[in-house]
Protein backbone atom coordinates (compact mmCIF):
# COMPACT_ATOMS: atom_id res chain seq x y z
CA ALA A 1 -7.54 -86.01 38.82
CA LEU A 2 -5.69 -84.77 35.90
CA VAL A 3 -6.91 -81.75 33.55
CA ASP A 4 -5.03 -82.15 30.25
CA GLY A 5 -5.27 -79.63 27.28
CA THR A 6 -3.86 -79.20 24.01
CA VAL A 7 -3.31 -75.71 22.88
CA THR A 8 -4.42 -75.37 19.31
CA THR A 9 -1.95 -72.07 18.57
CA PRO A 10 1.30 -72.44 20.95
CA VAL A 11 1.06 -69.68 23.49
CA ALA A 12 3.27 -67.71 25.71
CA ALA A 13 1.72 -68.60 29.15
CA VAL A 14 -1.09 -70.97 30.71
CA GLY A 15 -2.72 -69.58 33.89
CA ILE A 16 -5.55 -71.00 36.17
CA THR A 17 -7.74 -69.43 38.35
CA ASN A 18 -9.92 -70.91 40.95
CA VAL A 19 -7.25 -73.25 42.42
CA GLY A 20 -7.60 -73.68 45.83
CA ALA A 21 -6.15 -77.06 46.10
CA GLU A 22 -2.81 -78.95 46.11
CA ALA A 23 -2.08 -79.22 42.30
CA VAL A 24 0.79 -79.25 39.90
CA LEU A 25 0.62 -77.26 36.51
CA ARG A 26 2.69 -78.55 33.66
CA VAL A 27 3.45 -77.09 30.38
CA TYR A 28 5.09 -78.96 27.30
CA ASP A 29 6.26 -77.40 24.05
CA ALA A 30 5.32 -78.95 20.81
CA SER A 31 7.67 -81.63 20.77
CA GLY A 32 6.25 -82.80 24.45
CA THR A 33 9.14 -81.78 26.49
CA LEU A 34 8.47 -80.51 29.70
CA ILE A 35 9.12 -76.66 29.69
CA ALA A 36 8.23 -75.83 33.44
CA SER A 37 6.01 -76.77 36.34
CA LEU A 38 4.43 -75.02 39.06
CA LYS A 39 2.90 -76.32 42.51
CA THR A 40 0.08 -74.90 44.29
CA ASP A 41 -1.37 -75.89 47.78
CA THR A 42 -4.13 -75.72 49.77
CA SER A 43 -3.36 -72.26 51.04
CA THR A 44 -4.05 -70.93 47.67
CA ALA A 45 -7.37 -69.22 47.54
CA ALA A 46 -10.14 -69.85 45.20
CA SER A 47 -9.74 -66.26 43.28
CA ASP A 48 -5.98 -66.59 43.09
CA PHE A 49 -4.42 -66.73 39.52
CA VAL A 50 -1.50 -69.10 38.91
CA GLY A 51 0.53 -69.57 35.59
CA ILE A 52 3.47 -70.11 33.85
CA VAL A 53 4.92 -67.85 31.45
CA SER A 54 7.22 -69.45 29.22
CA PRO A 55 10.20 -68.29 26.41
CA THR A 56 9.20 -71.40 24.57
CA PRO A 57 5.70 -71.50 23.09
CA ILE A 58 3.66 -73.75 24.93
CA LYS A 59 1.82 -76.40 23.10
CA ARG A 60 0.40 -78.69 25.67
CA PHE A 61 -0.53 -78.01 29.36
CA GLU A 62 -1.77 -80.41 32.48
CA PHE A 63 -3.11 -79.67 35.75
CA ASP A 64 -2.69 -82.36 38.26
CA PHE A 65 -4.99 -82.00 41.28
CA VAL A 66 -6.07 -83.71 44.46
CA SER A 67 -9.57 -84.36 44.31
CA GLY A 68 -12.08 -84.28 47.33
CA LEU A 69 -11.16 -81.00 48.53
CA GLY A 70 -14.37 -79.29 47.67
CA PHE A 71 -13.74 -78.31 44.14
CA GLY A 72 -13.72 -80.14 40.92
CA GLY A 73 -12.17 -79.59 37.50
CA ASP A 74 -15.34 -77.43 36.33
CA ASP A 75 -14.14 -74.66 38.72
CA LEU A 76 -11.01 -74.24 36.55
CA LEU A 77 -10.36 -71.33 34.06
CA PHE A 78 -7.81 -71.91 31.64
CA THR A 79 -6.31 -68.43 30.16
CA GLU A 80 -4.40 -68.88 27.16
CA ILE A 81 -2.22 -65.73 26.60
CA ALA A 82 -1.62 -65.34 22.72
CA THR A 83 2.39 -65.33 21.78
CA PRO A 84 2.85 -61.96 19.86
CA ASP A 85 4.15 -62.35 16.64
CA CYS A 86 7.73 -60.49 16.03
CA THR A 87 9.06 -62.87 13.72
CA PRO A 88 9.65 -61.35 10.24
CA PRO A 89 9.16 -62.90 6.95
CA MET A 90 11.86 -64.78 5.43
CA ILE A 91 12.80 -63.66 1.78
CA THR A 92 14.29 -65.83 -0.88
CA ALA A 93 15.72 -63.60 -3.82
CA PRO A 94 18.60 -64.19 -6.01
CA ALA A 95 22.33 -63.87 -4.77
CA GLY A 96 22.98 -61.66 -7.69
CA ILE A 97 22.48 -61.31 -11.34
CA THR A 98 25.22 -60.54 -14.12
CA THR A 99 24.19 -60.10 -17.93
CA SER A 100 25.14 -58.21 -20.95
CA THR A 101 23.31 -55.40 -22.60
CA ASP A 102 20.78 -56.23 -25.38
CA SER A 103 21.48 -55.67 -28.90
CA GLY A 104 21.61 -51.97 -29.79
CA THR A 105 20.80 -50.73 -26.25
CA CYS A 106 22.68 -49.63 -23.42
CA GLY A 107 20.55 -51.78 -20.86
CA ALA A 108 19.25 -55.12 -20.62
CA VAL A 109 15.17 -56.38 -19.73
CA VAL A 110 16.29 -58.48 -16.53
CA THR A 111 13.61 -60.77 -15.09
CA TYR A 112 14.02 -62.55 -11.61
CA ALA A 113 11.75 -64.28 -8.83
CA VAL A 114 11.64 -63.37 -5.23
CA SER A 115 9.26 -65.02 -2.65
CA ALA A 116 8.68 -64.81 1.13
CA THR A 117 7.44 -67.43 3.86
CA ASP A 118 6.24 -66.23 7.24
CA ASP A 119 5.01 -68.49 10.49
CA VAL A 120 1.80 -66.62 10.12
CA ALA A 121 1.08 -65.00 6.70
CA VAL A 122 2.73 -62.66 4.34
CA ALA A 123 0.54 -59.95 3.82
CA SER A 124 2.81 -58.12 1.03
CA LEU A 125 5.54 -58.79 -1.10
CA SER A 126 7.40 -56.13 -3.33
CA SER A 127 10.49 -55.23 -4.92
CA GLY A 128 11.97 -52.45 -6.85
CA PRO A 129 13.38 -52.00 -9.67
CA ALA A 130 10.74 -54.66 -10.39
CA SER A 131 11.31 -57.63 -12.52
CA GLY A 132 11.06 -57.44 -16.22
CA SER A 133 12.47 -53.65 -16.00
CA THR A 134 15.11 -52.38 -17.92
CA PHE A 135 18.08 -52.10 -16.11
CA THR A 136 21.14 -49.86 -17.61
CA LYS A 137 24.70 -50.69 -17.90
CA GLY A 138 26.50 -50.98 -14.58
CA THR A 139 25.30 -52.30 -11.08
CA THR A 140 21.79 -51.55 -9.97
CA THR A 141 20.46 -52.82 -6.46
CA VAL A 142 17.07 -54.42 -6.23
CA THR A 143 15.45 -54.26 -2.56
CA VAL A 144 12.88 -56.87 -1.84
CA THR A 145 10.43 -55.81 1.08
CA ALA A 146 7.99 -58.63 2.87
CA THR A 147 5.21 -57.79 5.50
CA ASP A 148 3.45 -60.08 7.48
CA THR A 149 0.08 -59.78 8.66
CA SER A 150 1.36 -58.69 12.17
CA GLY A 151 3.08 -55.87 10.36
CA ASN A 152 6.62 -57.42 10.82
CA THR A 153 8.78 -56.25 7.79
CA ALA A 154 11.94 -57.62 6.36
CA THR A 155 14.43 -56.52 3.56
CA LYS A 156 16.65 -58.09 1.35
CA THR A 157 18.84 -56.72 -1.65
CA PHE A 158 20.81 -58.09 -4.59
CA ALA A 159 22.79 -56.47 -7.23
CA VAL A 160 22.05 -56.69 -10.86
CA ILE A 161 24.92 -56.09 -12.95
CA VAL A 162 24.89 -55.19 -16.53
CA ASN A 163 28.12 -55.24 -18.69
CA ASP A 164 28.43 -53.82 -22.19
CA HIS A 165 30.31 -56.33 -24.52
CA GLU A 166 28.81 -54.91 -27.55
CA PRO A 167 31.67 -53.37 -30.06
CA PRO A 168 31.29 -49.99 -31.86
CA THR A 169 30.35 -49.53 -35.27
CA LEU A 170 32.92 -47.91 -37.32
CA THR A 171 32.79 -46.25 -40.51
CA ALA A 172 36.16 -45.36 -42.56
CA PRO A 173 36.74 -43.14 -45.21
CA PRO A 174 37.40 -45.04 -48.62
CA ASN A 175 40.89 -45.33 -49.94
CA VAL A 176 42.76 -42.71 -51.52
CA THR A 177 44.78 -43.14 -54.58
CA THR A 178 46.82 -40.05 -55.86
CA GLY A 179 49.95 -39.10 -57.39
CA THR A 180 52.84 -37.26 -55.94
CA ASP A 181 53.38 -33.46 -55.67
CA ALA A 182 55.25 -31.82 -58.29
CA GLY A 183 58.98 -32.38 -57.53
CA THR A 184 58.70 -34.56 -54.57
CA ALA A 185 58.43 -37.98 -53.75
CA THR A 186 55.35 -37.29 -51.36
CA ALA A 187 51.67 -36.29 -51.70
CA THR A 188 49.61 -33.97 -49.68
CA VAL A 189 46.29 -35.88 -48.85
CA ASN A 190 43.31 -35.38 -47.09
CA PRO A 191 42.15 -38.89 -45.71
CA GLY A 192 38.82 -37.98 -44.83
CA SER A 193 36.95 -38.48 -41.38
CA ALA A 194 35.81 -41.84 -40.12
CA SER A 195 32.91 -42.00 -37.53
CA ALA A 196 31.78 -44.61 -35.04
CA SER A 197 28.44 -45.29 -33.19
CA ASP A 198 27.81 -47.52 -30.16
CA ASN A 199 25.13 -48.92 -28.13
CA CYS A 200 26.05 -46.94 -25.07
CA ALA A 201 27.26 -43.15 -25.42
CA GLY A 202 31.03 -42.04 -24.81
CA VAL A 203 32.17 -43.96 -27.86
CA THR A 204 35.91 -42.16 -28.85
CA LEU A 205 37.23 -42.28 -32.24
CA ALA A 206 41.07 -42.05 -32.83
CA ALA A 207 43.16 -42.51 -36.25
CA ALA A 208 46.87 -43.22 -36.72
CA ARG A 209 49.54 -43.80 -39.42
CA SER A 210 51.52 -47.00 -39.70
CA ASP A 211 54.56 -44.25 -39.94
CA GLY A 212 53.58 -42.65 -36.80
CA GLN A 213 53.25 -39.23 -38.58
CA PRO A 214 50.48 -36.82 -38.17
CA LEU A 215 47.60 -37.45 -40.71
CA SER A 216 48.09 -34.03 -42.01
CA ALA A 217 51.45 -34.91 -43.00
CA ALA A 218 52.82 -35.64 -46.67
CA TYR A 219 52.55 -39.05 -47.58
CA PRO A 220 55.31 -40.94 -49.11
CA LEU A 221 55.46 -43.28 -52.05
């Protein structure tokens, strides 16, 4: 006689009590491949427990016993031992993001998409800094965390790089037209001061004459 059972959720072990007969227990994985088998004989007492613990989830089992030995299939008790979920979620996130600063600011609003899958169910998914945040110039690491309903946690990181390609705004003094100083072929001139602003801090300002002389030196004709 053959007792055949399909396991709704793959399990780690199948056990049988009330054997007391010559029989063979076979377990199969989800593809129908035989994982292992265990043989009992008539010396196995009715209260004994026999079973198979498998490293591969068991999807189906068979208990093939010899009939007419004083016991029937109704005497069997099948025990399914649930497989503990030790597999963390799988996170999908960008490999990295590179962008430029938004006009007039030293950062950029960056949006991105992340997701997670799990062999059971994903309980939570978070990331920080969050999508839609303003990322300052430079490199910022985003950390994504996913937790499943069994408490397994996975993390994944990616970099957001914000480059500043916006040039400074320069304000120069007006042109100066003047005459030479008395008795010389040069003129003493105050050229004035220039100013500059930029979307990011740290702008530097420098001025130079075409003849290589200091700005305060007399200017030739």
